[in-house]
PDB file of N, CA and C in Angstrom:
ATOM      1  N   UNK A   1     -50.790  45.886  97.095  1.00  0.00           N
ATOM      2  CA  UNK A   1     -49.570  45.674  97.175  1.00  0.00           C
ATOM      3  C   UNK A   1     -48.989  46.085  95.872  1.00  0.00           C
ATOM      4  N   UNK A   2     -48.019  47.287  95.984  1.00  0.00           N
ATOM      5  CA  UNK A   2     -47.305  48.064  94.873  1.00  0.00           C
ATOM      6  C   UNK A   2     -46.534  46.801  93.900  1.00  0.00           C
ATOM      7  N   UNK A   3     -46.509  47.006  92.583  1.00  0.00           N
ATOM      8  CA  UNK A   3     -45.607  46.457  92.031  1.00  0.00           C
ATOM      9  C   UNK A   3     -44.159  46.541  91.950  1.00  0.00           C
ATOM     10  N   UNK A   4     -43.324  45.508  92.266  1.00  0.00           N
ATOM     11  CA  UNK A   4     -42.447  45.454  92.543  1.00  0.00           C
ATOM     12  C   UNK A   4     -41.243  46.539  92.006  1.00  0.00           C
ATOM     13  N   UNK A   5     -41.489  46.872  90.491  1.00  0.00           N
ATOM     14  CA  UNK A   5     -40.977  47.974  90.108  1.00  0.00           C
ATOM     15  C   UNK A   5     -41.209  49.360  90.497  1.00  0.00           C
ATOM     16  N   UNK A   6     -42.165  49.530  91.119  1.00  0.00           N
ATOM     17  CA  UNK A   6     -42.648  50.867  91.616  1.00  0.00           C
ATOM     18  C   UNK A   6     -42.073  51.130  92.856  1.00  0.00           C
ATOM     19  N   UNK A   7     -41.508  50.126  93.538  1.00  0.00           N
ATOM     20  CA  UNK A   7     -41.162  50.358  95.137  1.00  0.00           C
ATOM     21  C   UNK A   7     -40.083  51.086  95.105  1.00  0.00           C
ATOM     22  N   UNK A   8     -40.010  51.843  96.169  1.00  0.00           N
ATOM     23  CA  UNK A   8     -38.536  52.952  96.286  1.00  0.00           C
ATOM     24  C   UNK A   8     -37.405  52.205  96.574  1.00  0.00           C
ATOM     25  N   UNK A   9     -37.458  51.117  96.825  1.00  0.00           N
ATOM     26  CA  UNK A   9     -36.151  50.095  97.410  1.00  0.00           C
ATOM     27  C   UNK A   9     -35.453  49.510  95.784  1.00  0.00           C
ATOM     28  N   UNK A  10     -36.402  49.280  95.027  1.00  0.00           N
ATOM     29  CA  UNK A  10     -36.094  48.696  93.837  1.00  0.00           C
ATOM     30  C   UNK A  10     -35.831  49.550  92.703  1.00  0.00           C
ATOM     31  N   UNK A  11     -36.337  51.170  92.605  1.00  0.00           N
ATOM     32  CA  UNK A  11     -35.779  52.036  92.286  1.00  0.00           C
ATOM     33  C   UNK A  11     -34.274  52.561  92.476  1.00  0.00           C
ATOM     34  N   UNK A  12     -34.452  52.556  93.862  1.00  0.00           N
ATOM     35  CA  UNK A  12     -32.857  52.874  94.290  1.00  0.00           C
ATOM     36  C   UNK A  12     -31.766  51.744  93.865  1.00  0.00           C
ATOM     37  N   UNK A  13     -32.391  50.434  93.784  1.00  0.00           N
ATOM     38  CA  UNK A  13     -31.267  49.437  93.653  1.00  0.00           C
ATOM     39  C   UNK A  13     -31.100  49.577  92.293  1.00  0.00           C
ATOM     40  N   UNK A  14     -31.987  49.667  91.186  1.00  0.00           N
ATOM     41  CA  UNK A  14     -31.773  49.625  89.875  1.00  0.00           C
ATOM     42  C   UNK A  14     -30.991  50.735  89.565  1.00  0.00           C
ATOM     43  N   UNK A  15     -30.967  51.881  90.423  1.00  0.00           N
ATOM     44  CA  UNK A  15     -30.055  53.047  89.836  1.00  0.00           C
ATOM     45  C   UNK A  15     -28.680  52.730  90.167  1.00  0.00           C
ATOM     46  N   UNK A  16     -28.110  52.067  91.376  1.00  0.00           N
ATOM     47  CA  UNK A  16     -27.457  51.633  91.901  1.00  0.00           C
ATOM     48  C   UNK A  16     -26.574  50.709  90.929  1.00  0.00           C
ATOM     49  N   UNK A  17     -27.031  49.664  90.689  1.00  0.00           N
ATOM     50  CA  UNK A  17     -26.676  48.499  89.607  1.00  0.00           C
ATOM     51  C   UNK A  17     -26.327  49.369  88.385  1.00  0.00           C
ATOM     52  N   UNK A  18     -27.345  50.135  87.770  1.00  0.00           N
ATOM     53  CA  UNK A  18     -27.046  50.792  86.463  1.00  0.00           C
ATOM     54  C   UNK A  18     -26.028  51.850  86.430  1.00  0.00           C
ATOM     55  N   UNK A  19     -25.524  52.325  87.613  1.00  0.00           N
ATOM     56  CA  UNK A  19     -24.358  53.169  87.613  1.00  0.00           C
ATOM     57  C   UNK A  19     -23.261  52.623  87.986  1.00  0.00           C
ATOM     58  N   UNK A  20     -23.238  51.472  88.845  1.00  0.00           N
ATOM     59  CA  UNK A  20     -22.035  50.688  88.884  1.00  0.00           C
ATOM     60  C   UNK A  20     -21.747  49.895  87.616  1.00  0.00           C
ATOM     61  N   UNK A  21     -22.622  49.608  86.750  1.00  0.00           N
ATOM     62  CA  UNK A  21     -22.428  48.765  85.720  1.00  0.00           C
ATOM     63  C   UNK A  21     -21.711  49.718  84.594  1.00  0.00           C
ATOM     64  N   UNK A  22     -22.492  51.308  84.389  1.00  0.00           N
ATOM     65  CA  UNK A  22     -21.255  52.203  83.608  1.00  0.00           C
ATOM     66  C   UNK A  22     -20.336  52.485  84.040  1.00  0.00           C
ATOM     67  N   UNK A  23     -19.859  52.623  85.205  1.00  0.00           N
ATOM     68  CA  UNK A  23     -18.598  52.994  85.680  1.00  0.00           C
ATOM     69  C   UNK A  23     -17.600  52.052  85.310  1.00  0.00           C
ATOM     70  N   UNK A  24     -18.040  50.331  85.450  1.00  0.00           N
ATOM     71  CA  UNK A  24     -17.017  49.193  85.439  1.00  0.00           C
ATOM     72  C   UNK A  24     -16.955  49.347  83.217  1.00  0.00           C
ATOM     73  N   UNK A  25     -17.886  49.603  82.971  1.00  0.00           N
ATOM     74  CA  UNK A  25     -17.511  49.921  81.417  1.00  0.00           C
ATOM     75  C   UNK A  25     -16.741  50.985  80.913  1.00  0.00           C
ATOM     76  N   UNK A  26     -17.005  51.898  81.755  1.00  0.00           N
ATOM     77  CA  UNK A  26     -15.943  53.202  81.437  1.00  0.00           C
ATOM     78  C   UNK A  26     -14.361  52.882  81.690  1.00  0.00           C
ATOM     79  N   UNK A  27     -14.403  52.149  83.062  1.00  0.00           N
ATOM     80  CA  UNK A  27     -13.057  51.724  83.457  1.00  0.00           C
ATOM     81  C   UNK A  27     -12.523  50.355  82.710  1.00  0.00           C
ATOM     82  N   UNK A  28     -13.412  49.544  82.082  1.00  0.00           N
ATOM     83  CA  UNK A  28     -12.907  48.845  81.161  1.00  0.00           C
ATOM     84  C   UNK A  28     -12.288  49.278  79.958  1.00  0.00           C
ATOM     85  N   UNK A  29     -12.904  50.375  79.396  1.00  0.00           N
ATOM     86  CA  UNK A  29     -12.362  51.047  78.320  1.00  0.00           C
ATOM     87  C   UNK A  29     -10.913  51.126  78.276  1.00  0.00           C
ATOM     88  N   UNK A  30     -10.368  51.610  79.515  1.00  0.00           N
ATOM     89  CA  UNK A  30      -8.879  51.604  79.730  1.00  0.00           C
ATOM     90  C   UNK A  30      -8.145  50.385  79.711  1.00  0.00           C
ATOM     91  N   UNK A  31      -8.541  49.127  79.401  1.00  0.00           N
ATOM     92  CA  UNK A  31      -8.037  48.069  79.376  1.00  0.00           C
ATOM     93  C   UNK A  31      -7.844  47.486  77.932  1.00  0.00           C
ATOM     94  N   UNK A  32      -8.648  48.001  77.101  1.00  0.00           N
ATOM     95  CA  UNK A  32      -8.759  47.762  75.681  1.00  0.00           C
ATOM     96  C   UNK A  32      -7.895  48.888  74.915  1.00  0.00           C
ATOM     97  N   UNK A  33      -7.102  48.290  74.157  1.00  0.00           N
ATOM     98  CA  UNK A  33      -6.319  49.053  73.215  1.00  0.00           C
ATOM     99  C   UNK A  33      -7.347  50.065  72.312  1.00  0.00           C
ATOM    100  N   UNK A  34      -6.946  51.583  72.211  1.00  0.00           N
ATOM    101  CA  UNK A  34      -7.726  52.034  71.250  1.00  0.00           C
ATOM    102  C   UNK A  34      -7.347  52.212  70.067  1.00  0.00           C
ATOM    103  N   UNK A  35      -7.908  52.518  69.059  1.00  0.00           N
ATOM    104  CA  UNK A  35      -6.910  52.958  67.882  1.00  0.00           C
ATOM    105  C   UNK A  35      -8.161  54.088  67.158  1.00  0.00           C
ATOM    106  N   UNK A  36      -7.716  55.114  67.925  1.00  0.00           N
ATOM    107  CA  UNK A  36      -8.567  56.460  67.416  1.00  0.00           C
ATOM    108  C   UNK A  36      -8.180  57.121  65.992  1.00  0.00           C
ATOM    109  N   UNK A  37      -9.161  57.776  65.488  1.00  0.00           N
ATOM    110  CA  UNK A  37      -8.996  58.040  64.031  1.00  0.00           C
ATOM    111  C   UNK A  37      -9.045  59.240  64.137  1.00  0.00           C
ATOM    112  N   UNK A  38      -9.159  60.197  65.027  1.00  0.00           N
ATOM    113  CA  UNK A  38      -9.330  61.551  65.102  1.00  0.00           C
ATOM    114  C   UNK A  38      -8.687  61.904  66.692  1.00  0.00           C
ATOM    115  N   UNK A  39      -8.007  63.175  66.551  1.00  0.00           N
ATOM    116  CA  UNK A  39      -7.096  63.128  67.929  1.00  0.00           C
ATOM    117  C   UNK A  39      -8.465  63.372  69.105  1.00  0.00           C
ATOM    118  N   UNK A  40      -9.520  63.825  69.037  1.00  0.00           N
ATOM    119  CA  UNK A  40     -10.332  63.863  70.128  1.00  0.00           C
ATOM    120  C   UNK A  40     -10.843  62.481  71.007  1.00  0.00           C
ATOM    121  N   UNK A  41     -10.848  61.511  69.862  1.00  0.00           N
ATOM    122  CA  UNK A  41     -11.557  60.065  70.442  1.00  0.00           C
ATOM    123  C   UNK A  41     -10.325  59.214  70.858  1.00  0.00           C
ATOM    124  N   UNK A  42      -9.206  59.746  71.079  1.00  0.00           N
ATOM    125  CA  UNK A  42      -8.110  59.504  72.076  1.00  0.00           C
ATOM    126  C   UNK A  42      -8.386  59.747  73.403  1.00  0.00           C
ATOM    127  N   UNK A  43      -9.160  60.749  73.652  1.00  0.00           N
ATOM    128  CA  UNK A  43      -9.572  60.984  75.085  1.00  0.00           C
ATOM    129  C   UNK A  43      -9.795  59.792  75.926  1.00  0.00           C
ATOM    130  N   UNK A  44      -9.624  59.747  77.346  1.00  0.00           N
ATOM    131  CA  UNK A  44     -10.207  58.336  78.048  1.00  0.00           C
ATOM    132  C   UNK A  44     -11.782  58.543  77.962  1.00  0.00           C
ATOM    133  N   UNK A  45     -12.367  57.433  78.089  1.00  0.00           N
ATOM    134  CA  UNK A  45     -13.638  57.366  78.132  1.00  0.00           C
ATOM    135  C   UNK A  45     -14.482  58.594  77.069  1.00  0.00           C
ATOM    136  N   UNK A  46     -13.771  58.554  76.111  1.00  0.00           N
ATOM    137  CA  UNK A  46     -14.704  59.473  74.949  1.00  0.00           C
ATOM    138  C   UNK A  46     -15.992  59.170  74.448  1.00  0.00           C
ATOM    139  N   UNK A  47     -16.154  57.955  74.376  1.00  0.00           N
ATOM    140  CA  UNK A  47     -17.685  57.469  74.008  1.00  0.00           C
ATOM    141  C   UNK A  47     -18.682  57.651  75.339  1.00  0.00           C
ATOM    142  N   UNK A  48     -18.499  57.334  76.282  1.00  0.00           N
ATOM    143  CA  UNK A  48     -19.093  57.773  77.563  1.00  0.00           C
ATOM    144  C   UNK A  48     -19.576  59.540  77.608  1.00  0.00           C
ATOM    145  N   UNK A  49     -18.630  60.121  77.698  1.00  0.00           N
ATOM    146  CA  UNK A  49     -18.764  61.648  77.612  1.00  0.00           C
ATOM    147  C   UNK A  49     -19.356  62.064  76.301  1.00  0.00           C
ATOM    148  N   UNK A  50     -18.933  61.677  75.252  1.00  0.00           N
ATOM    149  CA  UNK A  50     -19.717  61.905  73.881  1.00  0.00           C
ATOM    150  C   UNK A  50     -21.327  61.698  74.005  1.00  0.00           C
ATOM    151  N   UNK A  51     -21.562  60.211  74.249  1.00  0.00           N
ATOM    152  CA  UNK A  51     -22.695  60.014  74.319  1.00  0.00           C
ATOM    153  C   UNK A  51     -23.894  60.684  75.123  1.00  0.00           C
ATOM    154  N   UNK A  52     -23.444  61.311  76.482  1.00  0.00           N
ATOM    155  CA  UNK A  52     -23.806  61.779  77.332  1.00  0.00           C
ATOM    156  C   UNK A  52     -24.153  63.197  76.719  1.00  0.00           C
ATOM    157  N   UNK A  53     -23.181  63.941  76.039  1.00  0.00           N
ATOM    158  CA  UNK A  53     -23.500  65.171  75.437  1.00  0.00           C
ATOM    159  C   UNK A  53     -24.288  65.115  74.441  1.00  0.00           C
ATOM    160  N   UNK A  54     -24.336  64.210  73.513  1.00  0.00           N
ATOM    161  CA  UNK A  54     -25.318  64.017  72.088  1.00  0.00           C
ATOM    162  C   UNK A  54     -26.706  64.041  72.939  1.00  0.00           C
ATOM    163  N   UNK A  55     -26.737  62.908  74.080  1.00  0.00           N
ATOM    164  CA  UNK A  55     -27.922  63.329  74.918  1.00  0.00           C
ATOM    165  C   UNK A  55     -28.544  64.177  75.370  1.00  0.00           C
ATOM    166  N   UNK A  56     -27.715  65.066  75.637  1.00  0.00           N
ATOM    167  CA  UNK A  56     -28.122  66.622  76.557  1.00  0.00           C
ATOM    168  C   UNK A  56     -28.378  67.600  75.353  1.00  0.00           C
ATOM    169  N   UNK A  57     -27.607  67.231  74.331  1.00  0.00           N
ATOM    170  CA  UNK A  57     -28.013  67.991  72.803  1.00  0.00           C
ATOM    171  C   UNK A  57     -29.730  67.526  72.004  1.00  0.00           C
ATOM    172  N   UNK A  58     -29.607  66.342  72.274  1.00  0.00           N
ATOM    173  CA  UNK A  58     -31.133  65.971  71.607  1.00  0.00           C
ATOM    174  C   UNK A  58     -32.023  66.479  72.335  1.00  0.00           C
ATOM    175  N   UNK A  59     -32.043  66.353  73.969  1.00  0.00           N
ATOM    176  CA  UNK A  59     -32.879  66.863  75.018  1.00  0.00           C
ATOM    177  C   UNK A  59     -33.392  68.367  74.583  1.00  0.00           C
ATOM    178  N   UNK A  60     -32.278  69.176  74.594  1.00  0.00           N
ATOM    179  CA  UNK A  60     -32.344  70.577  74.129  1.00  0.00           C
ATOM    180  C   UNK A  60     -33.037  70.811  72.824  1.00  0.00           C
ATOM    181  N   UNK A  61     -32.719  70.066  71.795  1.00  0.00           N
ATOM    182  CA  UNK A  61     -33.566  70.356  70.529  1.00  0.00           C
ATOM    183  C   UNK A  61     -34.954  69.951  70.681  1.00  0.00           C
ATOM    184  N   UNK A  62     -35.200  68.844  71.340  1.00  0.00           N
ATOM    185  CA  UNK A  62     -36.863  68.193  71.472  1.00  0.00           C
ATOM    186  C   UNK A  62     -37.436  69.275  72.070  1.00  0.00           C
ATOM    187  N   UNK A  63     -36.794  69.843  73.206  1.00  0.00           N
ATOM    188  CA  UNK A  63     -37.489  70.776  74.134  1.00  0.00           C
ATOM    189  C   UNK A  63     -37.890  72.126  72.780  1.00  0.00           C
ATOM    190  N   UNK A  64     -37.198  72.636  72.350  1.00  0.00           N
ATOM    191  CA  UNK A  64     -36.940  73.610  71.385  1.00  0.00           C
ATOM    192  C   UNK A  64     -38.378  73.464  70.256  1.00  0.00           C
ATOM    193  N   UNK A  65     -38.214  71.983  69.598  1.00  0.00           N
ATOM    194  CA  UNK A  65     -39.069  71.624  68.787  1.00  0.00           C
ATOM    195  C   UNK A  65     -40.496  71.792  69.796  1.00  0.00           C
ATOM    196  N   UNK A  66     -40.908  71.189  70.740  1.00  0.00           N
ATOM    197  CA  UNK A  66     -42.070  71.316  71.512  1.00  0.00           C
ATOM    198  C   UNK A  66     -42.131  72.521  71.540  1.00  0.00           C
ATOM    199  N   UNK A  67     -41.552  73.649  71.841  1.00  0.00           N
ATOM    200  CA  UNK A  67     -42.162  75.139  72.221  1.00  0.00           C
ATOM    201  C   UNK A  67     -42.818  75.285  70.596  1.00  0.00           C
ATOM    202  N   UNK A  68     -41.742  75.069  69.606  1.00  0.00           N
ATOM    203  CA  UNK A  68     -42.554  75.507  68.363  1.00  0.00           C
ATOM    204  C   UNK A  68     -43.931  75.078  68.171  1.00  0.00           C
ATOM    205  N   UNK A  69     -43.851  73.985  68.486  1.00  0.00           N
ATOM    206  CA  UNK A  69     -45.037  73.142  68.012  1.00  0.00           C
ATOM    207  C   UNK A  69     -46.225  73.090  68.740  1.00  0.00           C
ATOM    208  N   UNK A  70     -46.151  73.468  70.152  1.00  0.00           N
ATOM    209  CA  UNK A  70     -46.739  73.597  71.017  1.00  0.00           C
ATOM    210  C   UNK A  70     -48.378  74.150  70.847  1.00  0.00           C
ATOM    211  N   UNK A  71     -49.358  73.841  71.197  1.00  0.00           N
ATOM    212  CA  UNK A  71     -50.427  74.417  70.812  1.00  0.00           C
ATOM    213  C   UNK A  71     -51.310  74.840  72.187  1.00  0.00           C
ATOM    214  N   UNK A  72     -52.058  75.980  72.105  1.00  0.00           N
ATOM    215  CA  UNK A  72     -52.810  76.159  72.984  1.00  0.00           C
ATOM    216  C   UNK A  72     -54.066  75.218  73.798  1.00  0.00           C
ATOM    217  N   UNK A  73     -54.162  75.164  75.063  1.00  0.00           N
ATOM    218  CA  UNK A  73     -55.588  74.117  75.204  1.00  0.00           C
ATOM    219  C   UNK A  73     -56.797  74.350  74.608  1.00  0.00           C
ATOM    220  N   UNK A  74     -56.954  75.372  74.224  1.00  0.00           N
ATOM    221  CA  UNK A  74     -58.015  75.778  73.457  1.00  0.00           C
ATOM    222  C   UNK A  74     -58.125  75.524  71.792  1.00  0.00           C
ATOM    223  N   UNK A  75     -56.963  74.954  71.419  1.00  0.00           N
ATOM    224  CA  UNK A  75     -56.817  74.849  70.164  1.00  0.00           C
ATOM    225  C   UNK A  75     -57.860  73.991  69.238  1.00  0.00           C
ATOM    226  N   UNK A  76     -58.219  72.950  70.059  1.00  0.00           N
ATOM    227  CA  UNK A  76     -59.250  72.204  69.611  1.00  0.00           C
ATOM    228  C   UNK A  76     -60.580  72.353  70.361  1.00  0.00           C
ATOM    229  N   UNK A  77     -61.632  72.354  69.296  1.00  0.00           N
ATOM    230  CA  UNK A  77     -62.977  72.576  69.965  1.00  0.00           C
ATOM    231  C   UNK A  77     -63.081  71.476  70.870  1.00  0.00           C
ATOM    232  N   UNK A  78     -64.179  71.785  72.038  1.00  0.00           N
ATOM    233  CA  UNK A  78     -64.387  70.663  72.790  1.00  0.00           C
ATOM    234  C   UNK A  78     -65.141  69.367  72.467  1.00  0.00           C
ATOM    235  N   UNK A  79     -64.796  68.342  72.896  1.00  0.00           N
ATOM    236  CA  UNK A  79     -65.839  67.227  72.278  1.00  0.00           C
ATOM    237  C   UNK A  79     -66.958  67.173  72.756  1.00  0.00           C
ATOM    238  N   UNK A  80     -67.669  66.556  71.838  1.00  0.00           N
ATOM    239  CA  UNK A  80     -69.157  66.976  71.736  1.00  0.00           C
ATOM    240  C   UNK A  80     -69.568  65.188  72.431  1.00  0.00           C
ATOM    241  N   UNK A  81     -70.713  65.522  73.324  1.00  0.00           N
ATOM    242  CA  UNK A  81     -71.268  64.111  73.659  1.00  0.00           C
ATOM    243  C   UNK A  81     -72.038  63.499  73.061  1.00  0.00           C
ATOM    244  N   UNK A  82     -72.220  62.020  72.709  1.00  0.00           N
ATOM    245  CA  UNK A  82     -73.178  61.391  72.147  1.00  0.00           C
ATOM    246  C   UNK A  82     -74.313  61.854  72.440  1.00  0.00           C
ATOM    247  N   UNK A  83     -75.391  62.383  71.485  1.00  0.00           N
ATOM    248  CA  UNK A  83     -76.958  62.800  71.762  1.00  0.00           C
ATOM    249  C   UNK A  83     -76.785  64.196  71.775  1.00  0.00           C
ATOM    250  N   UNK A  84     -75.700  64.979  71.763  1.00  0.00           N
ATOM    251  CA  UNK A  84     -75.480  66.473  71.751  1.00  0.00           C
ATOM    252  C   UNK A  84     -75.677  66.818  70.355  1.00  0.00           C
ATOM    253  N   UNK A  85     -77.018  67.331  69.495  1.00  0.00           N
ATOM    254  CA  UNK A  85     -77.124  67.879  68.377  1.00  0.00           C
ATOM    255  C   UNK A  85     -77.832  69.224  68.192  1.00  0.00           C
TER     256      UNK A  85
END
């Protein structure tokens, strides 16, 4: 029997609940009085799209660093088995 977190129905339900919660939090931002310090942070749902954009930028940077640091599969010598002398 599969673990409950690996079932397709559970994963779908978690996505639905997470997206609904995120939507409610963004809509709740409209009910709170905003005190913007800069012009751009007065835009509706600024924390949501700013956080999403920052996440995308971090992923792109991580991928670029991965390309720079990647080593070929043959970089390390093969492991020796015990008794191979």
